[in-house]
């Protein structure tokens, strides 16, 4: 039988506790019962970015359909910070036997862009201009959950930037990324 050091046991205990916290948060968000859909313009009128996401987390407006398609969801929002959580699945695999980089990039793009969006005033929207992802460790379905944590770096009148990390409950880093978003008036897209 292999010996486990005190440090390894502490890491394992911490990861187990973190996973339990993440699972509880996911259950809490799902219990609010928002369905997938596209937000109607009147639901957004007058709402700054942070209020938009708070309404989504409260179940008052729909979550993005891609969340259901790819098995991830928004679990936390604050000014300049967004956290998405997902369960890596075999359906997300590439032919090499690990989770496809597109799934990882989508989670990171969601967290990064929503961190920027959370700081927008009413009447402003954004679009992603670029995203750069560094994949540092293969991800498989043996990892029970991952979190993409996005944090705003800069918010100007026309440009917002953010950085983020995709981590497991044990703290393992699977990827990190940065983005640049173009900020514009909502009426420009109508």
C-alpha atoms as a PDB file:
ATOM      1  CA  UNK A   1       0.000   0.000   0.000  1.00  0.00           C
ATOM      2  CA  UNK A   2       1.314   3.436  -0.969  1.00  0.00           C
ATOM      3  CA  UNK A   3       1.991   5.909   1.797  1.00  0.00           C
ATOM      4  CA  UNK A   4       0.307   9.313   1.550  1.00  0.00           C
ATOM      5  CA  UNK A   5       2.118  12.277   3.065  1.00  0.00           C
ATOM      6  CA  UNK A   6       0.332  14.751   5.324  1.00  0.00           C
ATOM      7  CA  UNK A   7       0.701  17.405   2.624  1.00  0.00           C
ATOM      8  CA  UNK A   8      -0.845  15.134  -0.043  1.00  0.00           C
ATOM      9  CA  UNK A   9      -3.701  14.272   2.295  1.00  0.00           C
ATOM     10  CA  UNK A  10      -4.333  17.965   2.976  1.00  0.00           C
ATOM     11  CA  UNK A  11      -4.380  18.701  -0.773  1.00  0.00           C
ATOM     12  CA  UNK A  12      -6.802  15.814  -1.333  1.00  0.00           C
ATOM     13  CA  UNK A  13      -9.045  16.992   1.526  1.00  0.00           C
ATOM     14  CA  UNK A  14      -8.984  20.565   0.195  1.00  0.00           C
ATOM     15  CA  UNK A  15      -9.859  19.382  -3.330  1.00  0.00           C
ATOM     16  CA  UNK A  16     -12.735  17.278  -1.983  1.00  0.00           C
ATOM     17  CA  UNK A  17     -14.087  20.241  -0.012  1.00  0.00           C
ATOM     18  CA  UNK A  18     -13.713  22.573  -3.021  1.00  0.00           C
ATOM     19  CA  UNK A  19     -15.497  20.083  -5.286  1.00  0.00           C
ATOM     20  CA  UNK A  20     -18.359  19.815  -2.778  1.00  0.00           C
ATOM     21  CA  UNK A  21     -18.626  23.632  -2.665  1.00  0.00           C
ATOM     22  CA  UNK A  22     -18.646  23.838  -6.473  1.00  0.00           C
ATOM     23  CA  UNK A  23     -21.307  21.129  -6.759  1.00  0.00           C
ATOM     24  CA  UNK A  24     -23.471  22.878  -4.150  1.00  0.00           C
ATOM     25  CA  UNK A  25     -23.166  26.200  -6.010  1.00  0.00           C
ATOM     26  CA  UNK A  26     -24.133  24.530  -9.298  1.00  0.00           C
ATOM     27  CA  UNK A  27     -27.194  22.932  -7.677  1.00  0.00           C
ATOM     28  CA  UNK A  28     -28.170  26.309  -6.193  1.00  0.00           C
ATOM     29  CA  UNK A  29     -27.930  28.071  -9.577  1.00  0.00           C
ATOM     30  CA  UNK A  30     -29.833  25.297 -11.374  1.00  0.00           C
ATOM     31  CA  UNK A  31     -32.566  25.304  -8.699  1.00  0.00           C
ATOM     32  CA  UNK A  32     -33.470  28.862  -9.690  1.00  0.00           C
ATOM     33  CA  UNK A  33     -34.808  27.299 -12.871  1.00  0.00           C
ATOM     34  CA  UNK A  34     -33.882  29.704 -15.624  1.00  0.00           C
ATOM     35  CA  UNK A  35     -34.278  28.175 -19.044  1.00  0.00           C
ATOM     36  CA  UNK A  36     -32.061  28.682 -22.056  1.00  0.00           C
ATOM     37  CA  UNK A  37     -32.971  31.500 -24.375  1.00  0.00           C
ATOM     38  CA  UNK A  38     -32.173  34.923 -25.721  1.00  0.00           C
ATOM     39  CA  UNK A  39     -32.868  37.954 -23.582  1.00  0.00           C
ATOM     40  CA  UNK A  40     -35.493  40.308 -25.000  1.00  0.00           C
ATOM     41  CA  UNK A  41     -34.429  43.947 -25.519  1.00  0.00           C
ATOM     42  CA  UNK A  42     -36.943  45.200 -22.928  1.00  0.00           C
ATOM     43  CA  UNK A  43     -35.333  42.896 -20.349  1.00  0.00           C
ATOM     44  CA  UNK A  44     -32.027  44.706 -20.914  1.00  0.00           C
ATOM     45  CA  UNK A  45     -33.322  48.274 -21.139  1.00  0.00           C
ATOM     46  CA  UNK A  46     -31.636  50.413 -18.523  1.00  0.00           C
ATOM     47  CA  UNK A  47     -29.684  47.543 -16.990  1.00  0.00           C
ATOM     48  CA  UNK A  48     -25.928  47.849 -16.573  1.00  0.00           C
ATOM     49  CA  UNK A  49     -23.840  44.730 -17.231  1.00  0.00           C
ATOM     50  CA  UNK A  50     -23.603  43.555 -13.630  1.00  0.00           C
ATOM     51  CA  UNK A  51     -27.386  43.788 -13.132  1.00  0.00           C
ATOM     52  CA  UNK A  52     -27.899  41.766 -16.322  1.00  0.00           C
ATOM     53  CA  UNK A  53     -25.851  38.859 -14.961  1.00  0.00           C
ATOM     54  CA  UNK A  54     -27.380  39.119 -11.494  1.00  0.00           C
ATOM     55  CA  UNK A  55     -30.794  38.727 -13.163  1.00  0.00           C
ATOM     56  CA  UNK A  56     -29.503  35.668 -14.990  1.00  0.00           C
ATOM     57  CA  UNK A  57     -28.191  34.092 -11.793  1.00  0.00           C
ATOM     58  CA  UNK A  58     -31.487  34.850 -10.049  1.00  0.00           C
ATOM     59  CA  UNK A  59     -33.391  33.043 -12.818  1.00  0.00           C
ATOM     60  CA  UNK A  60     -35.277  36.160 -13.986  1.00  0.00           C
ATOM     61  CA  UNK A  61     -33.800  36.084 -17.488  1.00  0.00           C
ATOM     62  CA  UNK A  62     -32.678  33.088 -19.558  1.00  0.00           C
ATOM     63  CA  UNK A  63     -29.168  31.714 -19.650  1.00  0.00           C
ATOM     64  CA  UNK A  64     -27.372  31.290 -22.979  1.00  0.00           C
ATOM     65  CA  UNK A  65     -28.410  28.249 -25.049  1.00  0.00           C
ATOM     66  CA  UNK A  66     -24.745  27.316 -25.547  1.00  0.00           C
ATOM     67  CA  UNK A  67     -24.566  26.604 -21.805  1.00  0.00           C
ATOM     68  CA  UNK A  68     -26.933  23.666 -22.264  1.00  0.00           C
ATOM     69  CA  UNK A  69     -25.244  22.518 -25.473  1.00  0.00           C
ATOM     70  CA  UNK A  70     -21.758  22.396 -23.950  1.00  0.00           C
ATOM     71  CA  UNK A  71     -22.626  21.614 -20.321  1.00  0.00           C
ATOM     72  CA  UNK A  72     -21.436  24.710 -18.472  1.00  0.00           C
ATOM     73  CA  UNK A  73     -23.020  27.603 -16.598  1.00  0.00           C
ATOM     74  CA  UNK A  74     -22.395  30.936 -14.972  1.00  0.00           C
ATOM     75  CA  UNK A  75     -21.953  30.385 -11.229  1.00  0.00           C
ATOM     76  CA  UNK A  76     -20.568  33.707  -9.951  1.00  0.00           C
ATOM     77  CA  UNK A  77     -20.554  37.329 -11.037  1.00  0.00           C
ATOM     78  CA  UNK A  78     -19.085  40.483  -9.524  1.00  0.00           C
ATOM     79  CA  UNK A  79     -17.910  43.777 -10.975  1.00  0.00           C
ATOM     80  CA  UNK A  80     -14.996  42.815 -13.219  1.00  0.00           C
ATOM     81  CA  UNK A  81     -15.155  39.093 -12.401  1.00  0.00           C
ATOM     82  CA  UNK A  82     -17.094  36.188 -13.928  1.00  0.00           C
ATOM     83  CA  UNK A  83     -16.902  32.468 -13.130  1.00  0.00           C
ATOM     84  CA  UNK A  84     -18.235  29.706 -15.350  1.00  0.00           C
ATOM     85  CA  UNK A  85     -18.233  26.052 -14.338  1.00  0.00           C
ATOM     86  CA  UNK A  86     -18.400  22.966 -16.509  1.00  0.00           C
ATOM     87  CA  UNK A  87     -18.086  19.213 -16.407  1.00  0.00           C
ATOM     88  CA  UNK A  88     -15.644  17.788 -18.945  1.00  0.00           C
ATOM     89  CA  UNK A  89     -17.382  14.938 -20.775  1.00  0.00           C
ATOM     90  CA  UNK A  90     -16.414  12.262 -23.262  1.00  0.00           C
ATOM     91  CA  UNK A  91     -18.649  14.063 -25.789  1.00  0.00           C
ATOM     92  CA  UNK A  92     -16.146  16.961 -25.616  1.00  0.00           C
ATOM     93  CA  UNK A  93     -13.154  14.790 -26.581  1.00  0.00           C
ATOM     94  CA  UNK A  94     -10.900  15.251 -29.572  1.00  0.00           C
ATOM     95  CA  UNK A  95      -9.480  12.211 -31.411  1.00  0.00           C
ATOM     96  CA  UNK A  96      -6.359  12.282 -29.215  1.00  0.00           C
ATOM     97  CA  UNK A  97      -8.332  11.320 -26.095  1.00  0.00           C
ATOM     98  CA  UNK A  98      -8.650  14.583 -24.192  1.00  0.00           C
ATOM     99  CA  UNK A  99     -11.143  17.448 -24.052  1.00  0.00           C
ATOM    100  CA  UNK A 100     -11.114  19.487 -27.254  1.00  0.00           C
ATOM    101  CA  UNK A 101      -9.478  22.889 -27.015  1.00  0.00           C
ATOM    102  CA  UNK A 102     -12.639  24.475 -28.396  1.00  0.00           C
ATOM    103  CA  UNK A 103     -14.605  23.489 -25.293  1.00  0.00           C
ATOM    104  CA  UNK A 104     -11.901  24.922 -23.055  1.00  0.00           C
ATOM    105  CA  UNK A 105     -11.681  28.106 -25.165  1.00  0.00           C
ATOM    106  CA  UNK A 106     -15.462  28.541 -25.027  1.00  0.00           C
ATOM    107  CA  UNK A 107     -15.511  28.409 -21.222  1.00  0.00           C
ATOM    108  CA  UNK A 108     -12.623  30.850 -21.025  1.00  0.00           C
ATOM    109  CA  UNK A 109     -14.150  33.176 -23.636  1.00  0.00           C
ATOM    110  CA  UNK A 110     -17.382  33.213 -21.639  1.00  0.00           C
ATOM    111  CA  UNK A 111     -15.626  34.082 -18.373  1.00  0.00           C
ATOM    112  CA  UNK A 112     -13.328  36.690 -19.911  1.00  0.00           C
ATOM    113  CA  UNK A 113     -15.970  38.477 -21.969  1.00  0.00           C
ATOM    114  CA  UNK A 114     -18.523  38.440 -19.153  1.00  0.00           C
ATOM    115  CA  UNK A 115     -15.936  39.966 -16.797  1.00  0.00           C
ATOM    116  CA  UNK A 116     -15.708  42.851 -19.278  1.00  0.00           C
ATOM    117  CA  UNK A 117     -19.498  42.945 -19.765  1.00  0.00           C
ATOM    118  CA  UNK A 118     -20.077  43.104 -15.995  1.00  0.00           C
ATOM    119  CA  UNK A 119     -18.473  46.561 -15.958  1.00  0.00           C
ATOM    120  CA  UNK A 120     -20.495  48.026 -18.831  1.00  0.00           C
ATOM    121  CA  UNK A 121     -22.967  50.799 -18.146  1.00  0.00           C
ATOM    122  CA  UNK A 122     -26.520  50.656 -19.441  1.00  0.00           C
ATOM    123  CA  UNK A 123     -26.739  51.077 -23.229  1.00  0.00           C
ATOM    124  CA  UNK A 124     -23.340  49.539 -23.944  1.00  0.00           C
ATOM    125  CA  UNK A 125     -22.549  46.126 -25.406  1.00  0.00           C
ATOM    126  CA  UNK A 126     -19.357  44.370 -26.445  1.00  0.00           C
ATOM    127  CA  UNK A 127     -17.994  41.863 -28.886  1.00  0.00           C
ATOM    128  CA  UNK A 128     -14.837  39.808 -28.575  1.00  0.00           C
ATOM    129  CA  UNK A 129     -12.080  41.095 -30.868  1.00  0.00           C
ATOM    130  CA  UNK A 130      -9.545  38.405 -29.985  1.00  0.00           C
ATOM    131  CA  UNK A 131      -8.825  35.666 -27.515  1.00  0.00           C
ATOM    132  CA  UNK A 132      -5.527  33.961 -26.824  1.00  0.00           C
ATOM    133  CA  UNK A 133      -5.529  30.642 -25.010  1.00  0.00           C
ATOM    134  CA  UNK A 134      -2.552  28.755 -23.605  1.00  0.00           C
ATOM    135  CA  UNK A 135      -3.304  25.071 -23.025  1.00  0.00           C
ATOM    136  CA  UNK A 136      -0.935  23.872 -20.319  1.00  0.00           C
ATOM    137  CA  UNK A 137      -2.306  20.482 -19.224  1.00  0.00           C
ATOM    138  CA  UNK A 138      -4.568  17.903 -20.910  1.00  0.00           C
ATOM    139  CA  UNK A 139      -8.119  17.826 -19.559  1.00  0.00           C
ATOM    140  CA  UNK A 140     -10.142  14.597 -19.415  1.00  0.00           C
ATOM    141  CA  UNK A 141     -13.521  13.507 -18.091  1.00  0.00           C
ATOM    142  CA  UNK A 142     -11.749  12.153 -14.998  1.00  0.00           C
ATOM    143  CA  UNK A 143     -11.737  15.751 -13.732  1.00  0.00           C
ATOM    144  CA  UNK A 144     -15.194  16.152 -12.161  1.00  0.00           C
ATOM    145  CA  UNK A 145     -15.586  19.921 -12.691  1.00  0.00           C
ATOM    146  CA  UNK A 146     -13.548  22.868 -13.896  1.00  0.00           C
ATOM    147  CA  UNK A 147     -13.952  26.580 -13.429  1.00  0.00           C
ATOM    148  CA  UNK A 148     -13.096  29.347 -15.871  1.00  0.00           C
ATOM    149  CA  UNK A 149     -12.395  32.455 -13.821  1.00  0.00           C
ATOM    150  CA  UNK A 150     -12.234  35.723 -15.744  1.00  0.00           C
ATOM    151  CA  UNK A 151     -10.993  39.031 -14.335  1.00  0.00           C
ATOM    152  CA  UNK A 152     -11.058  42.432 -16.003  1.00  0.00           C
ATOM    153  CA  UNK A 153      -7.681  44.060 -16.535  1.00  0.00           C
ATOM    154  CA  UNK A 154      -8.626  47.283 -18.313  1.00  0.00           C
ATOM    155  CA  UNK A 155     -11.937  48.960 -19.093  1.00  0.00           C
ATOM    156  CA  UNK A 156     -11.946  51.985 -21.384  1.00  0.00           C
ATOM    157  CA  UNK A 157     -14.611  53.699 -23.466  1.00  0.00           C
ATOM    158  CA  UNK A 158     -13.967  51.494 -26.535  1.00  0.00           C
ATOM    159  CA  UNK A 159     -11.797  48.591 -25.361  1.00  0.00           C
ATOM    160  CA  UNK A 160     -11.955  46.159 -22.456  1.00  0.00           C
ATOM    161  CA  UNK A 161      -9.393  43.483 -21.667  1.00  0.00           C
ATOM    162  CA  UNK A 162      -9.486  40.516 -19.309  1.00  0.00           C
ATOM    163  CA  UNK A 163      -7.466  37.507 -18.285  1.00  0.00           C
ATOM    164  CA  UNK A 164      -8.529  34.149 -16.953  1.00  0.00           C
ATOM    165  CA  UNK A 165      -7.647  30.659 -15.845  1.00  0.00           C
ATOM    166  CA  UNK A 166      -9.290  27.262 -16.200  1.00  0.00           C
ATOM    167  CA  UNK A 167      -8.721  25.293 -13.001  1.00  0.00           C
ATOM    168  CA  UNK A 168      -9.827  22.065 -11.363  1.00  0.00           C
ATOM    169  CA  UNK A 169     -11.034  21.713  -7.762  1.00  0.00           C
ATOM    170  CA  UNK A 170      -7.521  20.657  -6.749  1.00  0.00           C
ATOM    171  CA  UNK A 171      -6.127  23.924  -8.103  1.00  0.00           C
ATOM    172  CA  UNK A 172      -4.621  22.313 -11.214  1.00  0.00           C
ATOM    173  CA  UNK A 173      -4.247  24.806 -14.057  1.00  0.00           C
ATOM    174  CA  UNK A 174      -5.420  23.466 -17.435  1.00  0.00           C
ATOM    175  CA  UNK A 175      -5.338  26.668 -19.489  1.00  0.00           C
ATOM    176  CA  UNK A 176      -5.049  30.427 -19.188  1.00  0.00           C
ATOM    177  CA  UNK A 177      -6.182  33.115 -21.574  1.00  0.00           C
ATOM    178  CA  UNK A 178      -6.529  36.790 -22.354  1.00  0.00           C
ATOM    179  CA  UNK A 179      -9.018  38.729 -24.433  1.00  0.00           C
ATOM    180  CA  UNK A 180      -9.682  42.101 -25.983  1.00  0.00           C
ATOM    181  CA  UNK A 181     -13.299  43.213 -26.369  1.00  0.00           C
ATOM    182  CA  UNK A 182     -14.702  46.079 -28.432  1.00  0.00           C
ATOM    183  CA  UNK A 183     -17.210  48.182 -26.478  1.00  0.00           C
ATOM    184  CA  UNK A 184     -19.957  49.952 -28.422  1.00  0.00           C
ATOM    185  CA  UNK A 185     -23.382  51.542 -28.092  1.00  0.00           C
ATOM    186  CA  UNK A 186     -26.194  49.010 -28.106  1.00  0.00           C
ATOM    187  CA  UNK A 187     -28.096  51.034 -30.699  1.00  0.00           C
ATOM    188  CA  UNK A 188     -25.208  50.557 -33.179  1.00  0.00           C
ATOM    189  CA  UNK A 189     -26.181  46.915 -33.604  1.00  0.00           C
ATOM    190  CA  UNK A 190     -29.914  47.428 -34.151  1.00  0.00           C
END
